[in-house]
N, C-alpha and C. Protein backbone atom coordinates (compact mmCIF):
# COMPACT_ATOMS: atom_id res chain seq x y z
N MET A 1 70.94 112.20 92.25
CA MET A 1 71.90 112.01 91.14
C MET A 1 73.12 112.75 91.29
N ILE A 2 73.07 113.88 92.01
CA ILE A 2 74.35 114.60 92.23
C ILE A 2 75.20 113.92 93.16
N SER A 3 74.57 113.23 94.10
CA SER A 3 75.46 112.44 95.16
C SER A 3 76.12 111.35 94.42
N GLY A 4 75.64 110.76 93.37
CA GLY A 4 76.28 109.76 92.56
C GLY A 4 77.30 110.26 91.78
N VAL A 5 77.16 111.42 91.30
CA VAL A 5 78.31 112.07 90.42
C VAL A 5 79.38 112.39 91.40
N LYS A 6 79.11 113.07 92.62
CA LYS A 6 80.09 113.33 93.54
C LYS A 6 80.89 112.11 94.09
N SER A 7 80.19 111.05 94.33
CA SER A 7 80.84 109.78 94.76
C SER A 7 81.80 109.24 93.63
N LEU A 8 81.43 109.25 92.40
CA LEU A 8 82.12 108.86 91.36
C LEU A 8 83.39 109.69 91.18
N GLY A 9 83.38 110.96 91.29
CA GLY A 9 84.51 111.91 91.28
C GLY A 9 85.35 111.69 92.35
N LEU A 10 84.96 111.32 93.54
CA LEU A 10 85.73 110.93 94.71
C LEU A 10 86.47 109.70 94.43
N TRP A 11 85.93 108.69 93.88
CA TRP A 11 86.52 107.44 93.44
C TRP A 11 87.75 107.63 92.50
N LEU A 12 87.42 108.56 91.50
CA LEU A 12 88.43 108.80 90.48
C LEU A 12 89.63 109.59 91.10
N VAL A 13 89.37 110.45 92.09
CA VAL A 13 90.42 111.18 92.67
C VAL A 13 91.25 110.19 93.47
N LEU A 14 90.77 109.05 94.05
CA LEU A 14 91.41 108.20 94.90
C LEU A 14 92.28 107.22 94.09
N VAL A 15 92.06 107.04 92.84
CA VAL A 15 92.90 106.05 92.15
C VAL A 15 94.29 106.04 92.25
N PRO A 16 94.89 107.36 92.04
CA PRO A 16 96.38 107.40 92.21
C PRO A 16 96.80 106.99 93.69
N ARG A 17 96.02 107.61 94.63
CA ARG A 17 96.45 107.26 96.12
C ARG A 17 96.40 105.77 96.32
N ASN A 18 95.30 105.05 95.78
CA ASN A 18 95.31 103.71 96.33
C ASN A 18 96.23 102.89 95.39
N ALA A 19 96.58 103.28 94.12
CA ALA A 19 97.65 102.65 93.45
C ALA A 19 99.00 102.65 94.19
N MET A 20 99.33 103.85 94.75
CA MET A 20 100.58 104.07 95.37
C MET A 20 100.48 103.21 96.61
N LEU A 21 99.33 103.26 97.32
CA LEU A 21 99.26 102.43 98.53
C LEU A 21 99.29 100.88 98.29
N GLY A 22 98.84 100.38 97.14
CA GLY A 22 98.90 98.98 96.66
C GLY A 22 100.42 98.71 96.52
N PHE A 23 101.22 99.53 95.95
CA PHE A 23 102.58 99.45 95.60
C PHE A 23 103.36 99.32 97.01
N LEU A 24 103.17 100.24 97.85
CA LEU A 24 103.70 100.19 99.30
C LEU A 24 103.33 99.09 100.03
N TRP A 25 102.13 98.64 100.02
CA TRP A 25 101.70 97.35 100.63
C TRP A 25 102.52 96.19 100.33
N ALA A 26 102.65 95.95 98.88
CA ALA A 26 103.35 94.96 98.39
C ALA A 26 104.93 94.94 98.79
N TYR A 27 105.42 96.25 98.77
CA TYR A 27 106.80 96.39 99.06
C TYR A 27 107.03 96.09 100.61
N ARG A 28 106.15 96.54 101.56
CA ARG A 28 106.07 96.13 102.82
C ARG A 28 106.02 94.66 103.22
N LYS A 29 105.17 93.84 102.33
CA LYS A 29 105.06 92.61 102.58
C LYS A 29 106.14 91.52 102.10
N VAL A 30 106.83 92.01 100.92
CA VAL A 30 107.73 91.20 100.10
C VAL A 30 109.17 91.58 100.38
N ILE A 31 109.44 92.90 100.12
CA ILE A 31 110.83 93.39 100.08
C ILE A 31 111.33 93.94 101.52
N SER A 32 110.62 94.56 102.29
CA SER A 32 110.91 95.23 103.51
C SER A 32 111.37 94.11 104.57
N PRO A 33 110.68 92.94 104.62
CA PRO A 33 111.29 91.95 105.69
C PRO A 33 112.68 91.54 105.30
N LEU A 34 113.08 91.64 104.08
CA LEU A 34 114.38 91.10 103.78
C LEU A 34 115.55 91.94 104.35
N TYR A 35 115.26 93.25 104.48
CA TYR A 35 116.16 94.19 105.06
C TYR A 35 116.23 94.21 106.67
N GLY A 36 115.11 93.84 107.26
CA GLY A 36 115.04 93.82 108.63
C GLY A 36 114.83 95.31 109.28
N GLN A 37 114.96 95.67 110.41
CA GLN A 37 114.83 96.91 110.91
C GLN A 37 116.08 97.77 110.83
N VAL A 38 116.21 98.60 109.77
CA VAL A 38 117.30 99.25 109.49
C VAL A 38 117.03 100.90 109.49
N CYS A 39 115.78 101.27 109.66
CA CYS A 39 115.59 102.72 109.67
C CYS A 39 115.89 103.30 111.11
N ARG A 40 116.36 104.47 111.03
CA ARG A 40 116.64 105.32 112.27
C ARG A 40 115.54 105.88 112.95
N TYR A 41 114.41 105.90 112.33
CA TYR A 41 113.22 106.61 112.74
C TYR A 41 112.18 105.43 113.03
N TYR A 42 111.20 105.94 113.89
CA TYR A 42 109.88 105.10 114.10
C TYR A 42 108.85 105.92 113.82
N PRO A 43 107.86 105.55 113.01
CA PRO A 43 107.72 104.20 112.28
C PRO A 43 108.86 104.32 111.07
N SER A 44 108.96 103.12 110.54
CA SER A 44 109.88 102.82 109.45
C SER A 44 109.61 103.97 108.24
N CYS A 45 110.55 104.02 107.39
CA CYS A 45 110.30 104.96 106.30
C CYS A 45 109.09 104.44 105.37
N SER A 46 108.95 103.19 105.14
CA SER A 46 107.98 102.60 104.37
C SER A 46 106.48 102.83 105.03
N LEU A 47 106.43 102.68 106.38
CA LEU A 47 105.20 102.92 107.14
C LEU A 47 104.93 104.39 107.01
N TYR A 48 105.93 105.29 107.11
CA TYR A 48 105.75 106.79 107.19
C TYR A 48 105.02 107.04 105.84
N ALA A 49 105.58 106.49 104.62
CA ALA A 49 105.20 106.73 103.34
C ALA A 49 103.83 106.44 103.15
N PHE A 50 103.52 105.07 103.70
CA PHE A 50 102.10 104.63 103.59
C PHE A 50 101.16 105.56 104.27
N ARG A 51 101.44 105.93 105.52
CA ARG A 51 100.51 106.87 106.21
C ARG A 51 100.49 108.18 105.69
N ALA A 52 101.58 108.86 105.17
CA ALA A 52 101.58 110.00 104.46
C ALA A 52 100.65 110.04 103.29
N ILE A 53 100.84 109.03 102.44
CA ILE A 53 99.88 108.97 101.18
C ILE A 53 98.55 108.71 101.58
N GLN A 54 98.18 107.99 102.66
CA GLN A 54 96.85 107.76 103.12
C GLN A 54 96.28 109.21 103.42
N TYR A 55 96.94 109.92 104.33
CA TYR A 55 96.54 111.20 104.75
C TYR A 55 96.40 112.39 103.79
N HIS A 56 97.42 112.46 102.95
CA HIS A 56 97.62 113.64 102.05
C HIS A 56 97.52 113.31 100.55
N GLY A 57 97.31 112.06 100.20
CA GLY A 57 97.17 111.86 98.69
C GLY A 57 98.42 111.41 98.04
N ALA A 58 98.45 111.05 96.81
CA ALA A 58 99.68 110.47 96.14
C ALA A 58 100.81 111.51 96.06
N PHE A 59 100.35 112.69 95.49
CA PHE A 59 101.49 113.67 95.28
C PHE A 59 102.17 114.24 96.51
N LYS A 60 101.29 114.82 97.41
CA LYS A 60 101.78 115.52 98.64
C LYS A 60 102.52 114.40 99.53
N GLY A 61 101.91 113.22 99.69
CA GLY A 61 102.37 112.24 100.48
C GLY A 61 103.69 111.59 99.94
N THR A 62 103.83 111.52 98.62
CA THR A 62 105.19 111.08 98.07
C THR A 62 106.22 112.22 98.41
N GLY A 63 105.90 113.47 98.33
CA GLY A 63 106.83 114.44 98.78
C GLY A 63 107.23 114.36 100.25
N LEU A 64 106.30 114.18 101.01
CA LEU A 64 106.58 114.07 102.41
C LEU A 64 107.65 112.76 102.82
N ALA A 65 107.22 111.69 102.03
CA ALA A 65 107.95 110.34 102.07
C ALA A 65 109.41 110.72 101.70
N ALA A 66 109.59 111.54 100.47
CA ALA A 66 110.85 111.66 99.99
C ALA A 66 111.73 112.42 100.87
N TRP A 67 111.18 113.37 101.57
CA TRP A 67 111.76 114.20 102.47
C TRP A 67 112.26 113.41 103.73
N ARG A 68 111.37 112.56 104.14
CA ARG A 68 111.68 111.52 105.21
C ARG A 68 112.85 110.63 104.90
N VAL A 69 112.97 110.01 103.70
CA VAL A 69 114.09 109.29 103.29
C VAL A 69 115.32 110.03 103.26
N LEU A 70 115.32 111.20 102.67
CA LEU A 70 116.58 112.09 102.85
C LEU A 70 117.11 112.47 104.23
N ARG A 71 116.17 112.46 105.12
CA ARG A 71 116.53 112.82 106.58
C ARG A 71 117.04 111.47 107.18
N CYS A 72 116.68 110.30 106.72
CA CYS A 72 117.05 108.97 107.23
C CYS A 72 118.45 108.56 106.84
N ASN A 73 119.59 109.16 107.46
CA ASN A 73 120.87 108.82 107.01
C ASN A 73 121.62 108.48 108.30
N PRO A 74 122.87 108.03 108.16
CA PRO A 74 123.79 107.77 109.35
C PRO A 74 124.08 108.87 110.26
N PHE A 75 123.94 110.09 109.75
CA PHE A 75 124.26 111.25 110.58
C PHE A 75 122.96 111.76 111.33
N SER A 76 121.85 111.22 111.14
CA SER A 76 120.66 111.59 111.85
C SER A 76 120.56 110.90 113.10
N ARG A 77 119.93 111.62 114.03
CA ARG A 77 119.81 111.12 115.58
C ARG A 77 118.62 110.15 115.41
N GLY A 78 117.61 110.19 114.47
CA GLY A 78 116.56 109.45 114.42
C GLY A 78 115.45 109.75 115.47
N GLY A 79 114.57 108.70 115.90
CA GLY A 79 113.60 109.16 116.89
C GLY A 79 112.20 108.77 116.28
N ILE A 80 111.22 109.32 117.02
CA ILE A 80 109.82 109.16 116.61
C ILE A 80 109.50 110.34 115.63
N ASP A 81 108.94 110.11 114.58
CA ASP A 81 108.68 110.96 113.56
C ASP A 81 107.34 110.49 112.72
N ASP A 82 106.19 110.98 113.11
CA ASP A 82 104.97 110.56 112.46
C ASP A 82 104.64 111.56 111.38
N PRO A 83 103.97 111.11 110.30
CA PRO A 83 103.56 112.13 109.42
C PRO A 83 102.55 113.01 109.80
N PRO A 84 102.46 114.38 109.31
CA PRO A 84 101.43 115.21 109.75
C PRO A 84 100.06 114.57 109.45
N GLU A 85 99.07 114.69 110.42
CA GLU A 85 97.83 114.13 110.16
C GLU A 85 96.94 115.18 109.42
N ALA A 86 95.89 114.70 108.64
CA ALA A 86 95.01 115.63 107.95
C ALA A 86 93.62 115.13 108.33
N HIS A 87 92.65 116.05 108.24
CA HIS A 87 91.31 115.74 108.55
C HIS A 87 90.69 115.03 107.30
N HIS A 88 90.00 113.89 107.47
CA HIS A 88 89.37 112.94 106.57
C HIS A 88 87.92 113.33 106.48
N THR A 89 87.54 114.41 105.80
CA THR A 89 86.21 114.86 105.87
C THR A 89 85.30 114.00 104.69
N TYR A 90 86.04 113.68 103.73
CA TYR A 90 85.33 112.89 102.60
C TYR A 90 85.69 111.46 102.48
N PHE A 91 86.87 111.03 103.13
CA PHE A 91 87.41 109.73 102.98
C PHE A 91 87.49 109.01 104.25
N ASP A 92 87.37 107.58 104.11
CA ASP A 92 87.47 106.55 105.15
C ASP A 92 88.66 105.70 104.87
N ILE A 93 89.41 105.07 105.74
CA ILE A 93 90.46 104.13 105.65
C ILE A 93 89.96 102.81 105.84
N THR A 94 90.04 101.88 104.87
CA THR A 94 89.67 100.51 104.98
C THR A 94 90.57 99.71 106.08
N GLU A 95 90.17 98.46 106.25
CA GLU A 95 91.02 97.79 107.22
C GLU A 95 92.26 97.27 106.70
N HIS A 96 92.32 97.40 105.26
CA HIS A 96 93.65 97.01 104.58
C HIS A 96 94.47 98.11 104.34
N GLY A 97 94.07 99.38 104.78
CA GLY A 97 94.74 100.67 104.50
C GLY A 97 94.38 101.51 103.32
N PHE A 98 93.52 101.00 102.45
CA PHE A 98 93.19 101.66 101.23
C PHE A 98 92.14 102.83 101.70
N VAL A 99 91.92 103.82 100.82
CA VAL A 99 91.10 104.89 100.98
C VAL A 99 89.80 104.83 100.10
N ARG A 100 88.71 105.16 100.64
CA ARG A 100 87.47 105.08 99.94
C ARG A 100 86.72 106.29 100.36
N PRO A 101 85.72 106.74 99.47
CA PRO A 101 84.97 107.83 99.86
C PRO A 101 84.03 107.45 101.24
N ARG A 102 83.79 108.40 101.95
CA ARG A 102 83.03 108.23 103.20
C ARG A 102 81.59 107.95 102.79
N LYS A 103 80.99 106.97 103.36
CA LYS A 103 79.48 106.63 103.09
C LYS A 103 78.62 107.69 103.83
N GLU A 104 77.69 108.24 103.04
CA GLU A 104 76.79 109.25 103.59
C GLU A 104 75.76 108.40 104.46
N VAL A 105 75.26 109.08 105.56
CA VAL A 105 74.35 108.46 106.29
C VAL A 105 73.02 108.95 106.21
């Protein structure tokens, strides 16, 4: 029973993260193609935000993404800039990019 409560708690923690990922997924499919490749960095700012939120959650990931967007300006040299990775001890990433609790074996 404790395992079920823990799993429910993990699902509730992931709601804001997955909501943000859903928004970014829609943005990348609908709006981002209209702009083309304008980002000075690789990966693009929207993909950076997507990965940052996957790795670090809705709040810290949004902060990392905001800092990246501020650095992406005409005076920046650009280049390769990946979000810092985090260990996924309790979470797995699905094939569509959403985050779910890791299944216990």
